[in-house]
Amino acid sequence: MGKLLSCEFNMDTVCVELKFADGSMLSIDCIAVENEFVKNMYQQSELDYLIYNDPIGYADLILNGDPDEYLKNVTDYSPLD
């Protein structure tokens, strides 16, 4: 992969798509990611925020980061007793 040309969320495919200068493309299936990592609606909301407002940050988190650790740190979830 070469220089990143674009990164955007495609609502038709529900994927974050990265396009590179060498003509290659990477597509991240957001539903599959959510099914793997999301455990409650607060975590869902955090990932949705990234998808719509920072797709490059979302792609970086999924490809290079630790989504479980990220979601644990950014969501404040206290179940009702």
PDB file of N, CA and C in Angstrom:
ATOM      1  N   MET A   1       0.832  -1.176   0.000  1.00  0.00           N
ATOM      2  CA  MET A   1       0.000   0.000   0.000  1.00  0.00           C
ATOM      3  C   MET A   1       0.876   1.238   0.000  1.00  0.00           C
ATOM      4  N   GLY A   2       0.402   2.216  -0.715  1.00  0.00           N
ATOM      5  CA  GLY A   2       1.152   3.452  -0.814  1.00  0.00           C
ATOM      6  C   GLY A   2       0.490   4.585  -0.054  1.00  0.00           C
ATOM      7  N   LYS A   3       0.583   5.756  -0.610  1.00  0.00           N
ATOM      8  CA  LYS A   3       0.039   6.970  -0.005  1.00  0.00           C
ATOM      9  C   LYS A   3      -1.493   6.893   0.017  1.00  0.00           C
ATOM     10  N   LEU A   4      -2.078   7.245   1.151  1.00  0.00           N
ATOM     11  CA  LEU A   4      -3.527   7.243   1.307  1.00  0.00           C
ATOM     12  C   LEU A   4      -4.112   8.451   0.585  1.00  0.00           C
ATOM     13  N   LEU A   5      -5.053   8.193  -0.327  1.00  0.00           N
ATOM     14  CA  LEU A   5      -5.704   9.269  -1.064  1.00  0.00           C
ATOM     15  C   LEU A   5      -7.006   9.709  -0.413  1.00  0.00           C
ATOM     16  N   SER A   6      -7.786   8.730   0.054  1.00  0.00           N
ATOM     17  CA  SER A   6      -9.055   9.091   0.685  1.00  0.00           C
ATOM     18  C   SER A   6      -9.476   8.029   1.689  1.00  0.00           C
ATOM     19  N   CYS A   7     -10.290   8.458   2.620  1.00  0.00           N
ATOM     20  CA  CYS A   7     -10.864   7.563   3.620  1.00  0.00           C
ATOM     21  C   CYS A   7     -12.240   8.110   3.948  1.00  0.00           C
ATOM     22  N   GLU A   8     -13.268   7.308   3.697  1.00  0.00           N
ATOM     23  CA  GLU A   8     -14.620   7.781   3.975  1.00  0.00           C
ATOM     24  C   GLU A   8     -15.542   6.618   4.288  1.00  0.00           C
ATOM     25  N   PHE A   9     -16.638   6.937   4.948  1.00  0.00           N
ATOM     26  CA  PHE A   9     -17.654   5.946   5.272  1.00  0.00           C
ATOM     27  C   PHE A   9     -18.625   5.859   4.111  1.00  0.00           C
ATOM     28  N   ASN A  10     -18.850   4.661   3.609  1.00  0.00           N
ATOM     29  CA  ASN A  10     -19.796   4.413   2.526  1.00  0.00           C
ATOM     30  C   ASN A  10     -21.074   3.858   3.138  1.00  0.00           C
ATOM     31  N   MET A  11     -22.136   4.658   3.130  1.00  0.00           N
ATOM     32  CA  MET A  11     -23.397   4.248   3.740  1.00  0.00           C
ATOM     33  C   MET A  11     -24.051   3.085   2.991  1.00  0.00           C
ATOM     34  N   ASP A  12     -23.786   2.960   1.707  1.00  0.00           N
ATOM     35  CA  ASP A  12     -24.397   1.888   0.920  1.00  0.00           C
ATOM     36  C   ASP A  12     -23.849   0.518   1.304  1.00  0.00           C
ATOM     37  N   THR A  13     -22.567   0.452   1.618  1.00  0.00           N
ATOM     38  CA  THR A  13     -21.943  -0.833   1.956  1.00  0.00           C
ATOM     39  C   THR A  13     -21.701  -0.985   3.456  1.00  0.00           C
ATOM     40  N   VAL A  14     -21.927   0.056   4.221  1.00  0.00           N
ATOM     41  CA  VAL A  14     -21.666   0.120   5.661  1.00  0.00           C
ATOM     42  C   VAL A  14     -20.204  -0.239   5.935  1.00  0.00           C
ATOM     43  N   CYS A  15     -19.320   0.368   5.151  1.00  0.00           N
ATOM     44  CA  CYS A  15     -17.883   0.123   5.269  1.00  0.00           C
ATOM     45  C   CYS A  15     -17.124   1.440   5.270  1.00  0.00           C
ATOM     46  N   VAL A  16     -16.016   1.459   5.994  1.00  0.00           N
ATOM     47  CA  VAL A  16     -15.065   2.557   5.884  1.00  0.00           C
ATOM     48  C   VAL A  16     -14.084   2.127   4.797  1.00  0.00           C
ATOM     49  N   GLU A  17     -13.977   2.958   3.758  1.00  0.00           N
ATOM     50  CA  GLU A  17     -13.156   2.602   2.600  1.00  0.00           C
ATOM     51  C   GLU A  17     -11.934   3.505   2.510  1.00  0.00           C
ATOM     52  N   LEU A  18     -10.778   2.865   2.373  1.00  0.00           N
ATOM     53  CA  LEU A  18      -9.517   3.578   2.216  1.00  0.00           C
ATOM     54  C   LEU A  18      -9.014   3.337   0.803  1.00  0.00           C
ATOM     55  N   LYS A  19      -8.671   4.411   0.087  1.00  0.00           N
ATOM     56  CA  LYS A  19      -8.155   4.304  -1.276  1.00  0.00           C
ATOM     57  C   LYS A  19      -6.725   4.842  -1.293  1.00  0.00           C
ATOM     58  N   PHE A  20      -5.838   4.080  -1.959  1.00  0.00           N
ATOM     59  CA  PHE A  20      -4.416   4.402  -1.969  1.00  0.00           C
ATOM     60  C   PHE A  20      -3.953   4.794  -3.364  1.00  0.00           C
ATOM     61  N   ALA A  21      -2.835   5.507  -3.425  1.00  0.00           N
ATOM     62  CA  ALA A  21      -2.293   6.024  -4.679  1.00  0.00           C
ATOM     63  C   ALA A  21      -1.939   4.915  -5.668  1.00  0.00           C
ATOM     64  N   ASP A  22      -1.570   3.736  -5.184  1.00  0.00           N
ATOM     65  CA  ASP A  22      -1.205   2.643  -6.088  1.00  0.00           C
ATOM     66  C   ASP A  22      -2.427   1.928  -6.668  1.00  0.00           C
ATOM     67  N   GLY A  23      -3.629   2.435  -6.383  1.00  0.00           N
ATOM     68  CA  GLY A  23      -4.851   1.856  -6.920  1.00  0.00           C
ATOM     69  C   GLY A  23      -5.515   0.834  -6.010  1.00  0.00           C
ATOM     70  N   SER A  24      -4.859   0.465  -4.930  1.00  0.00           N
ATOM     71  CA  SER A  24      -5.449  -0.518  -4.025  1.00  0.00           C
ATOM     72  C   SER A  24      -6.499   0.150  -3.138  1.00  0.00           C
ATOM     73  N   MET A  25      -7.390  -0.678  -2.631  1.00  0.00           N
ATOM     74  CA  MET A  25      -8.463  -0.195  -1.773  1.00  0.00           C
ATOM     75  C   MET A  25      -8.661  -1.174  -0.635  1.00  0.00           C
ATOM     76  N   LEU A  26      -8.925  -0.642   0.543  1.00  0.00           N
ATOM     77  CA  LEU A  26      -9.188  -1.461   1.718  1.00  0.00           C
ATOM     78  C   LEU A  26     -10.560  -1.064   2.231  1.00  0.00           C
ATOM     79  N   SER A  27     -11.383  -2.056   2.525  1.00  0.00           N
ATOM     80  CA  SER A  27     -12.733  -1.805   3.001  1.00  0.00           C
ATOM     81  C   SER A  27     -12.917  -2.490   4.353  1.00  0.00           C
ATOM     82  N   ILE A  28     -13.315  -1.733   5.369  1.00  0.00           N
ATOM     83  CA  ILE A  28     -13.525  -2.264   6.714  1.00  0.00           C
ATOM     84  C   ILE A  28     -15.027  -2.402   6.937  1.00  0.00           C
ATOM     85  N   ASP A  29     -15.491  -3.613   7.120  1.00  0.00           N
ATOM     86  CA  ASP A  29     -16.909  -3.898   7.348  1.00  0.00           C
ATOM     87  C   ASP A  29     -17.268  -3.496   8.783  1.00  0.00           C
ATOM     88  N   CYS A  30     -17.972  -2.379   8.930  1.00  0.00           N
ATOM     89  CA  CYS A  30     -18.277  -1.833  10.258  1.00  0.00           C
ATOM     90  C   CYS A  30     -19.210  -2.740  11.053  1.00  0.00           C
ATOM     91  N   ILE A  31     -20.135  -3.413  10.392  1.00  0.00           N
ATOM     92  CA  ILE A  31     -21.043  -4.314  11.098  1.00  0.00           C
ATOM     93  C   ILE A  31     -20.275  -5.491  11.690  1.00  0.00           C
ATOM     94  N   ALA A  32     -19.340  -6.047  10.942  1.00  0.00           N
ATOM     95  CA  ALA A  32     -18.536  -7.162  11.451  1.00  0.00           C
ATOM     96  C   ALA A  32     -17.695  -6.713  12.646  1.00  0.00           C
ATOM     97  N   VAL A  33     -17.138  -5.512  12.574  1.00  0.00           N
ATOM     98  CA  VAL A  33     -16.343  -4.984  13.689  1.00  0.00           C
ATOM     99  C   VAL A  33     -17.225  -4.821  14.918  1.00  0.00           C
ATOM    100  N   GLU A  34     -18.408  -4.243  14.731  1.00  0.00           N
ATOM    101  CA  GLU A  34     -19.319  -4.040  15.855  1.00  0.00           C
ATOM    102  C   GLU A  34     -19.744  -5.373  16.468  1.00  0.00           C
ATOM    103  N   ASN A  35     -20.026  -6.347  15.646  1.00  0.00           N
ATOM    104  CA  ASN A  35     -20.416  -7.661  16.161  1.00  0.00           C
ATOM    105  C   ASN A  35     -19.302  -8.298  16.984  1.00  0.00           C
ATOM    106  N   GLU A  36     -18.079  -7.985  16.659  1.00  0.00           N
ATOM    107  CA  GLU A  36     -16.930  -8.559  17.359  1.00  0.00           C
ATOM    108  C   GLU A  36     -16.611  -7.849  18.676  1.00  0.00           C
ATOM    109  N   PHE A  37     -16.740  -6.524  18.706  1.00  0.00           N
ATOM    110  CA  PHE A  37     -16.225  -5.764  19.847  1.00  0.00           C
ATOM    111  C   PHE A  37     -17.266  -5.096  20.733  1.00  0.00           C
ATOM    112  N   VAL A  38     -18.405  -4.722  20.194  1.00  0.00           N
ATOM    113  CA  VAL A  38     -19.389  -3.936  20.944  1.00  0.00           C
ATOM    114  C   VAL A  38     -20.166  -4.818  21.910  1.00  0.00           C
ATOM    115  N   LYS A  39     -20.235  -4.346  23.164  1.00  0.00           N
ATOM    116  CA  LYS A  39     -20.930  -5.106  24.202  1.00  0.00           C
ATOM    117  C   LYS A  39     -22.147  -4.370  24.763  1.00  0.00           C
ATOM    118  N   ASN A  40     -22.277  -3.067  24.493  1.00  0.00           N
ATOM    119  CA  ASN A  40     -23.431  -2.301  24.961  1.00  0.00           C
ATOM    120  C   ASN A  40     -23.629  -1.085  24.062  1.00  0.00           C
ATOM    121  N   MET A  41     -24.744  -0.379  24.295  1.00  0.00           N
ATOM    122  CA  MET A  41     -25.093   0.739  23.419  1.00  0.00           C
ATOM    123  C   MET A  41     -24.117   1.909  23.533  1.00  0.00           C
ATOM    124  N   TYR A  42     -23.422   2.025  24.650  1.00  0.00           N
ATOM    125  CA  TYR A  42     -22.465   3.111  24.821  1.00  0.00           C
ATOM    126  C   TYR A  42     -21.230   2.889  23.946  1.00  0.00           C
ATOM    127  N   GLN A  43     -20.778   1.662  23.878  1.00  0.00           N
ATOM    128  CA  GLN A  43     -19.656   1.334  22.996  1.00  0.00           C
ATOM    129  C   GLN A  43     -20.070   1.500  21.540  1.00  0.00           C
ATOM    130  N   GLN A  44     -21.297   1.119  21.218  1.00  0.00           N
ATOM    131  CA  GLN A  44     -21.826   1.301  19.863  1.00  0.00           C
ATOM    132  C   GLN A  44     -21.789   2.776  19.480  1.00  0.00           C
ATOM    133  N   SER A  45     -22.202   3.618  20.401  1.00  0.00           N
ATOM    134  CA  SER A  45     -22.222   5.054  20.160  1.00  0.00           C
ATOM    135  C   SER A  45     -20.818   5.606  19.913  1.00  0.00           C
ATOM    136  N   GLU A  46     -19.836   5.135  20.669  1.00  0.00           N
ATOM    137  CA  GLU A  46     -18.454   5.585  20.484  1.00  0.00           C
ATOM    138  C   GLU A  46     -17.920   5.226  19.100  1.00  0.00           C
ATOM    139  N   LEU A  47     -18.166   3.992  18.668  1.00  0.00           N
ATOM    140  CA  LEU A  47     -17.694   3.592  17.340  1.00  0.00           C
ATOM    141  C   LEU A  47     -18.443   4.335  16.246  1.00  0.00           C
ATOM    142  N   ASP A  48     -19.746   4.542  16.425  1.00  0.00           N
ATOM    143  CA  ASP A  48     -20.519   5.297  15.437  1.00  0.00           C
ATOM    144  C   ASP A  48     -19.992   6.719  15.305  1.00  0.00           C
ATOM    145  N   TYR A  49     -19.636   7.334  16.434  1.00  0.00           N
ATOM    146  CA  TYR A  49     -19.078   8.682  16.384  1.00  0.00           C
ATOM    147  C   TYR A  49     -17.810   8.704  15.518  1.00  0.00           C
ATOM    148  N   LEU A  50     -16.924   7.741  15.742  1.00  0.00           N
ATOM    149  CA  LEU A  50     -15.690   7.689  14.947  1.00  0.00           C
ATOM    150  C   LEU A  50     -15.985   7.457  13.470  1.00  0.00           C
ATOM    151  N   ILE A  51     -16.903   6.552  13.186  1.00  0.00           N
ATOM    152  CA  ILE A  51     -17.219   6.230  11.792  1.00  0.00           C
ATOM    153  C   ILE A  51     -17.670   7.478  11.038  1.00  0.00           C
ATOM    154  N   TYR A  52     -18.565   8.250  11.641  1.00  0.00           N
ATOM    155  CA  TYR A  52     -19.127   9.411  10.953  1.00  0.00           C
ATOM    156  C   TYR A  52     -18.248  10.655  11.024  1.00  0.00           C
ATOM    157  N   ASN A  53     -17.497  10.835  12.101  1.00  0.00           N
ATOM    158  CA  ASN A  53     -16.756  12.076  12.300  1.00  0.00           C
ATOM    159  C   ASN A  53     -15.254  11.961  12.100  1.00  0.00           C
ATOM    160  N   ASP A  54     -14.705  10.768  12.207  1.00  0.00           N
ATOM    161  CA  ASP A  54     -13.261  10.577  12.064  1.00  0.00           C
ATOM    162  C   ASP A  54     -12.980   9.200  11.457  1.00  0.00           C
ATOM    163  N   PRO A  55     -13.367   8.991  10.188  1.00  0.00           N
ATOM    164  CA  PRO A  55     -13.167   7.659   9.604  1.00  0.00           C
ATOM    165  C   PRO A  55     -11.700   7.221   9.559  1.00  0.00           C
ATOM    166  N   ILE A  56     -10.776   8.156   9.454  1.00  0.00           N
ATOM    167  CA  ILE A  56      -9.355   7.787   9.471  1.00  0.00           C
ATOM    168  C   ILE A  56      -8.972   7.282  10.861  1.00  0.00           C
ATOM    169  N   GLY A  57      -9.457   7.945  11.896  1.00  0.00           N
ATOM    170  CA  GLY A  57      -9.219   7.489  13.263  1.00  0.00           C
ATOM    171  C   GLY A  57      -9.816   6.116  13.507  1.00  0.00           C
ATOM    172  N   TYR A  58     -11.010   5.888  12.956  1.00  0.00           N
ATOM    173  CA  TYR A  58     -11.660   4.576  13.075  1.00  0.00           C
ATOM    174  C   TYR A  58     -10.818   3.504  12.390  1.00  0.00           C
ATOM    175  N   ALA A  59     -10.389   3.782  11.169  1.00  0.00           N
ATOM    176  CA  ALA A  59      -9.566   2.819  10.431  1.00  0.00           C
ATOM    177  C   ALA A  59      -8.266   2.534  11.162  1.00  0.00           C
ATOM    178  N   ASP A  60      -7.643   3.573  11.700  1.00  0.00           N
ATOM    179  CA  ASP A  60      -6.401   3.391  12.449  1.00  0.00           C
ATOM    180  C   ASP A  60      -6.637   2.532  13.690  1.00  0.00           C
ATOM    181  N   LEU A  61      -7.732   2.776  14.389  1.00  0.00           N
ATOM    182  CA  LEU A  61      -8.055   1.985  15.575  1.00  0.00           C
ATOM    183  C   LEU A  61      -8.245   0.515  15.224  1.00  0.00           C
ATOM    184  N   ILE A  62      -8.973   0.232  14.178  1.00  0.00           N
ATOM    185  CA  ILE A  62      -9.271  -1.150  13.802  1.00  0.00           C
ATOM    186  C   ILE A  62      -8.035  -1.847  13.250  1.00  0.00           C
ATOM    187  N   LEU A  63      -7.251  -1.157  12.440  1.00  0.00           N
ATOM    188  CA  LEU A  63      -6.095  -1.793  11.791  1.00  0.00           C
ATOM    189  C   LEU A  63      -4.853  -1.837  12.677  1.00  0.00           C
ATOM    190  N   ASN A  64      -4.663  -0.822  13.530  1.00  0.00           N
ATOM    191  CA  ASN A  64      -3.412  -0.727  14.287  1.00  0.00           C
ATOM    192  C   ASN A  64      -3.592  -0.695  15.794  1.00  0.00           C
ATOM    193  N   GLY A  65      -4.803  -0.491  16.258  1.00  0.00           N
ATOM    194  CA  GLY A  65      -5.022  -0.308  17.686  1.00  0.00           C
ATOM    195  C   GLY A  65      -5.638  -1.521  18.352  1.00  0.00           C
ATOM    196  N   ASP A  66      -6.138  -1.288  19.547  1.00  0.00           N
ATOM    197  CA  ASP A  66      -6.798  -2.323  20.334  1.00  0.00           C
ATOM    198  C   ASP A  66      -8.216  -1.838  20.635  1.00  0.00           C
ATOM    199  N   PRO A  67      -9.198  -2.204  19.789  1.00  0.00           N
ATOM    200  CA  PRO A  67     -10.570  -1.710  19.981  1.00  0.00           C
ATOM    201  C   PRO A  67     -11.151  -2.044  21.351  1.00  0.00           C
ATOM    202  N   ASP A  68     -10.863  -3.229  21.890  1.00  0.00           N
ATOM    203  CA  ASP A  68     -11.373  -3.579  23.218  1.00  0.00           C
ATOM    204  C   ASP A  68     -10.865  -2.602  24.267  1.00  0.00           C
ATOM    205  N   GLU A  69      -9.590  -2.318  24.251  1.00  0.00           N
ATOM    206  CA  GLU A  69      -8.985  -1.403  25.227  1.00  0.00           C
ATOM    207  C   GLU A  69      -9.524   0.013  25.031  1.00  0.00           C
ATOM    208  N   TYR A  70      -9.623   0.447  23.787  1.00  0.00           N
ATOM    209  CA  TYR A  70     -10.168   1.774  23.483  1.00  0.00           C
ATOM    210  C   TYR A  70     -11.581   1.912  24.033  1.00  0.00           C
ATOM    211  N   LEU A  71     -12.445   0.951  23.739  1.00  0.00           N
ATOM    212  CA  LEU A  71     -13.835   1.025  24.193  1.00  0.00           C
ATOM    213  C   LEU A  71     -13.942   0.963  25.710  1.00  0.00           C
ATOM    214  N   LYS A  72     -13.067   0.206  26.331  1.00  0.00           N
ATOM    215  CA  LYS A  72     -13.064   0.126  27.789  1.00  0.00           C
ATOM    216  C   LYS A  72     -12.698   1.485  28.398  1.00  0.00           C
ATOM    217  N   ASN A  73     -11.787   2.204  27.760  1.00  0.00           N
ATOM    218  CA  ASN A  73     -11.316   3.478  28.296  1.00  0.00           C
ATOM    219  C   ASN A  73     -12.228   4.664  27.999  1.00  0.00           C
ATOM    220  N   VAL A  74     -12.954   4.636  26.898  1.00  0.00           N
ATOM    221  CA  VAL A  74     -13.742   5.814  26.514  1.00  0.00           C
ATOM    222  C   VAL A  74     -15.203   5.729  26.912  1.00  0.00           C
ATOM    223  N   THR A  75     -15.694   4.563  27.273  1.00  0.00           N
ATOM    224  CA  THR A  75     -17.108   4.463  27.651  1.00  0.00           C
ATOM    225  C   THR A  75     -17.256   4.402  29.163  1.00  0.00           C
ATOM    226  N   ASP A  76     -18.202   5.158  29.637  1.00  0.00           N
ATOM    227  CA  ASP A  76     -18.529   5.161  31.049  1.00  0.00           C
ATOM    228  C   ASP A  76     -19.855   4.433  31.202  1.00  0.00           C
ATOM    229  N   TYR A  77     -19.787   3.183  31.549  1.00  0.00           N
ATOM    230  CA  TYR A  77     -20.977   2.341  31.619  1.00  0.00           C
ATOM    231  C   TYR A  77     -21.100   1.742  32.998  1.00  0.00           C
ATOM    232  N   SER A  78     -22.184   2.058  33.657  1.00  0.00           N
ATOM    233  CA  SER A  78     -22.460   1.496  34.976  1.00  0.00           C
ATOM    234  C   SER A  78     -23.852   0.856  34.928  1.00  0.00           C
ATOM    235  N   PRO A  79     -23.924  -0.463  34.951  1.00  0.00           N
ATOM    236  CA  PRO A  79     -25.235  -1.106  34.875  1.00  0.00           C
ATOM    237  C   PRO A  79     -26.074  -0.784  36.115  1.00  0.00           C
ATOM    238  N   LEU A  80     -27.369  -0.675  35.912  1.00  0.00           N
ATOM    239  CA  LEU A  80     -28.284  -0.427  37.027  1.00  0.00           C
ATOM    240  C   LEU A  80     -28.428  -1.693  37.840  1.00  0.00           C
ATOM    241  N   ASP A  81     -28.417  -1.556  39.134  1.00  0.00           N
ATOM    242  CA  ASP A  81     -28.583  -2.727  40.017  1.00  0.00           C
ATOM    243  C   ASP A  81     -30.029  -2.886  40.422  1.00  0.00           C
TER     244      ASP A  81
END
